């Protein structure tokens, strides 16, 4: 049956490592399985965008020097800028499931927008997350706390060709991965 997976289905059918149960965690932005989704945590490694080198943002030839590496329990994103981060969790998406990401309201209400492209059928790895600060002030992001919710949608039929079959370019990413185009070299 097609539809959105419930909490018990997510726990049973989606491989998430480490898997966090739903729990009340005072003083922490929530994470773990929810009624119809899974709230992922942002890891401690961030790449914060900088325009210090005046590089052109080119998805076919992205300059890794456009980012400053930050590792810590939190990260400040400059006004009207963005950062890339990785999830604490690693995922394996089944062949009959498509996953989409939505931002958490706690951050959205502060002008912080999260974007993740769909996790296609049979995609595996850590998720690279784009976090935009739309405000005119620096924005603080907390590592090891919730950043976004993943929704899992079961298809009416199994796809003919999955992301795994295509050997997608972001398959099995071990952590934060910069953009690249097949035929070029993945950024360092």
Protein backbone atom coordinates (compact mmCIF):
# COMPACT_ATOMS: atom_id res chain seq x y z
CA UNK A 1 0.00 0.00 0.00
CA UNK A 2 1.36 3.43 -0.98
CA UNK A 3 1.55 6.36 1.42
CA UNK A 4 3.68 7.95 4.12
CA UNK A 5 5.42 5.50 6.47
CA UNK A 6 4.39 5.57 10.14
CA UNK A 7 6.84 5.50 13.05
CA UNK A 8 6.75 1.70 13.46
CA UNK A 9 7.25 1.19 9.68
CA UNK A 10 10.23 3.56 9.64
CA UNK A 11 11.86 1.64 12.48
CA UNK A 12 11.18 -1.71 10.79
CA UNK A 13 11.85 -0.88 7.11
CA UNK A 14 14.40 1.95 6.89
CA UNK A 15 18.01 1.31 7.87
CA UNK A 16 19.09 4.30 9.97
CA UNK A 17 22.36 4.18 11.94
CA UNK A 18 22.36 5.24 14.70
CA UNK A 19 18.59 5.05 15.13
CA UNK A 20 17.15 7.35 17.82
CA UNK A 21 13.82 6.68 19.48
CA UNK A 22 11.38 9.51 20.02
CA UNK A 23 12.06 11.01 23.43
CA UNK A 24 11.56 14.19 25.41
CA UNK A 25 14.99 15.85 25.60
CA UNK A 26 14.70 19.14 27.55
CA UNK A 27 16.81 21.98 26.12
CA UNK A 28 17.54 20.09 22.88
CA UNK A 29 16.09 20.61 19.39
CA UNK A 30 14.17 17.34 18.93
CA UNK A 31 15.46 14.41 16.90
CA UNK A 32 14.64 10.76 16.28
CA UNK A 33 11.62 8.94 14.95
CA UNK A 34 8.35 10.89 14.96
CA UNK A 35 4.77 9.92 14.07
CA UNK A 36 5.38 9.97 10.29
CA UNK A 37 9.02 10.91 9.84
CA UNK A 38 12.51 10.89 11.22
CA UNK A 39 14.17 14.05 12.58
CA UNK A 40 17.85 13.92 11.63
CA UNK A 41 20.67 15.44 13.64
CA UNK A 42 23.32 17.70 12.16
CA UNK A 43 26.88 16.54 12.75
CA UNK A 44 29.87 18.54 14.03
CA UNK A 45 31.49 19.19 10.62
CA UNK A 46 30.36 22.30 8.73
CA UNK A 47 31.53 24.05 5.59
CA UNK A 48 30.56 27.72 5.81
CA UNK A 49 30.38 29.66 2.55
CA UNK A 50 32.74 32.60 2.18
CA UNK A 51 33.06 35.10 -0.64
CA UNK A 52 36.58 36.12 0.43
CA UNK A 53 38.06 34.74 -2.82
CA UNK A 54 35.27 36.19 -5.02
CA UNK A 55 34.93 32.81 -6.74
CA UNK A 56 32.05 32.09 -9.09
CA UNK A 57 29.54 29.55 -7.80
CA UNK A 58 29.64 26.96 -10.57
CA UNK A 59 28.07 23.52 -9.96
CA UNK A 60 30.19 22.07 -12.81
CA UNK A 61 33.44 23.39 -11.39
CA UNK A 62 32.87 24.16 -7.73
CA UNK A 63 35.82 25.71 -5.91
CA UNK A 64 36.23 24.02 -2.50
CA UNK A 65 38.08 27.16 -1.33
CA UNK A 66 34.67 28.86 -1.29
CA UNK A 67 34.12 27.29 2.13
CA UNK A 68 35.72 27.57 5.54
CA UNK A 69 35.78 24.32 7.54
CA UNK A 70 34.32 24.48 11.05
CA UNK A 71 34.16 21.60 13.51
CA UNK A 72 32.42 22.02 16.82
CA UNK A 73 29.34 21.78 19.00
CA UNK A 74 27.81 24.72 17.15
CA UNK A 75 28.38 26.79 14.04
CA UNK A 76 27.66 30.43 13.21
CA UNK A 77 26.40 31.06 9.69
CA UNK A 78 26.98 34.65 8.54
CA UNK A 79 24.01 36.84 7.55
CA UNK A 80 22.49 36.01 4.14
CA UNK A 81 24.89 33.10 3.69
CA UNK A 82 24.79 29.35 3.98
CA UNK A 83 26.66 26.30 5.21
CA UNK A 84 26.86 22.66 4.26
CA UNK A 85 26.74 20.00 6.95
CA UNK A 86 26.27 16.28 7.29
CA UNK A 87 23.83 14.22 9.28
CA UNK A 88 24.87 12.13 12.26
CA UNK A 89 22.76 9.33 10.79
CA UNK A 90 23.50 7.13 7.78
CA UNK A 91 20.55 5.90 5.68
CA UNK A 92 19.72 3.04 3.33
CA UNK A 93 16.54 3.73 1.38
CA UNK A 94 14.56 0.68 0.13
CA UNK A 95 13.77 0.29 -3.58
CA UNK A 96 10.06 1.14 -3.17
CA UNK A 97 10.60 4.27 -1.03
CA UNK A 98 11.27 7.91 -1.94
CA UNK A 99 12.29 10.24 0.88
CA UNK A 100 11.89 14.00 1.04
CA UNK A 101 13.22 16.47 3.57
CA UNK A 102 11.51 19.39 5.27
CA UNK A 103 13.00 21.89 7.68
CA UNK A 104 12.21 21.87 11.39
CA UNK A 105 9.92 24.65 12.55
CA UNK A 106 12.26 25.74 15.37
CA UNK A 107 14.88 26.83 12.82
CA UNK A 108 12.37 27.98 10.16
CA UNK A 109 10.82 30.39 12.68
CA UNK A 110 14.27 31.97 13.03
CA UNK A 111 14.74 32.46 9.27
CA UNK A 112 16.98 29.41 8.89
CA UNK A 113 16.02 27.26 5.91
CA UNK A 114 17.17 23.66 5.37
CA UNK A 115 17.33 22.03 1.96
CA UNK A 116 18.03 18.42 1.06
CA UNK A 117 17.22 16.95 -2.32
CA UNK A 118 15.13 13.74 -2.37
CA UNK A 119 16.72 10.51 -1.18
CA UNK A 120 15.94 8.28 -4.14
CA UNK A 121 15.16 4.55 -4.04
CA UNK A 122 18.23 2.53 -2.97
CA UNK A 123 20.27 5.63 -2.09
CA UNK A 124 22.76 5.04 0.75
CA UNK A 125 24.98 7.25 2.85
CA UNK A 126 25.16 10.25 5.15
CA UNK A 127 23.01 13.16 4.02
CA UNK A 128 24.65 16.44 3.01
CA UNK A 129 22.43 19.28 4.23
CA UNK A 130 22.35 22.88 2.98
CA UNK A 131 21.47 25.39 5.70
CA UNK A 132 20.60 28.94 4.58
CA UNK A 133 20.58 31.91 6.91
CA UNK A 134 18.05 34.28 5.36
CA UNK A 135 18.39 36.85 8.16
CA UNK A 136 20.59 39.97 8.40
CA UNK A 137 22.14 38.51 11.60
CA UNK A 138 24.49 35.57 12.27
CA UNK A 139 22.60 32.30 12.90
CA UNK A 140 23.67 29.60 15.34
CA UNK A 141 23.26 25.90 14.46
CA UNK A 142 23.63 23.25 17.18
CA UNK A 143 25.52 20.05 16.38
CA UNK A 144 24.07 16.69 17.49
CA UNK A 145 20.56 18.17 17.62
CA UNK A 146 17.64 18.04 15.20
CA UNK A 147 17.95 19.99 11.94
CA UNK A 148 15.34 18.54 9.52
CA UNK A 149 12.68 15.86 9.13
CA UNK A 150 12.82 13.09 6.55
CA UNK A 151 9.47 11.77 5.27
CA UNK A 152 9.35 8.31 3.67
CA UNK A 153 6.87 7.75 0.84
CA UNK A 154 6.08 4.24 -0.37
CA UNK A 155 5.39 4.03 -4.12
CA UNK A 156 2.42 2.24 -5.68
CA UNK A 157 4.91 0.22 -7.76
CA UNK A 158 8.62 -0.57 -7.58
CA UNK A 159 10.72 1.53 -9.96
CA UNK A 160 12.45 -0.06 -12.96
CA UNK A 161 15.73 1.77 -12.31
CA UNK A 162 16.81 2.88 -8.82
CA UNK A 163 19.52 5.32 -7.78
CA UNK A 164 21.61 2.28 -6.86
CA UNK A 165 21.11 0.78 -10.33
CA UNK A 166 22.26 4.07 -11.91
CA UNK A 167 25.27 4.15 -9.59
CA UNK A 168 24.33 7.71 -8.68
CA UNK A 169 27.21 10.09 -8.10
CA UNK A 170 26.36 10.70 -4.44
CA UNK A 171 25.88 7.00 -3.62
CA UNK A 172 27.60 5.81 -0.42
CA UNK A 173 28.81 9.27 0.60
CA UNK A 174 30.61 8.92 3.92
CA UNK A 175 30.04 12.51 4.97
CA UNK A 176 29.65 16.06 3.75
CA UNK A 177 30.05 16.01 -0.05
CA UNK A 178 30.50 19.08 -2.25
CA UNK A 179 28.74 19.33 -5.63
CA UNK A 180 30.35 17.80 -8.70
CA UNK A 181 29.38 16.69 -12.18
CA UNK A 182 30.05 13.16 -13.43
CA UNK A 183 33.12 13.11 -15.63
CA UNK A 184 34.81 15.71 -13.46
CA UNK A 185 36.64 15.12 -10.23
CA UNK A 186 34.80 15.16 -6.89
CA UNK A 187 36.00 18.19 -4.87
CA UNK A 188 38.51 17.54 -2.11
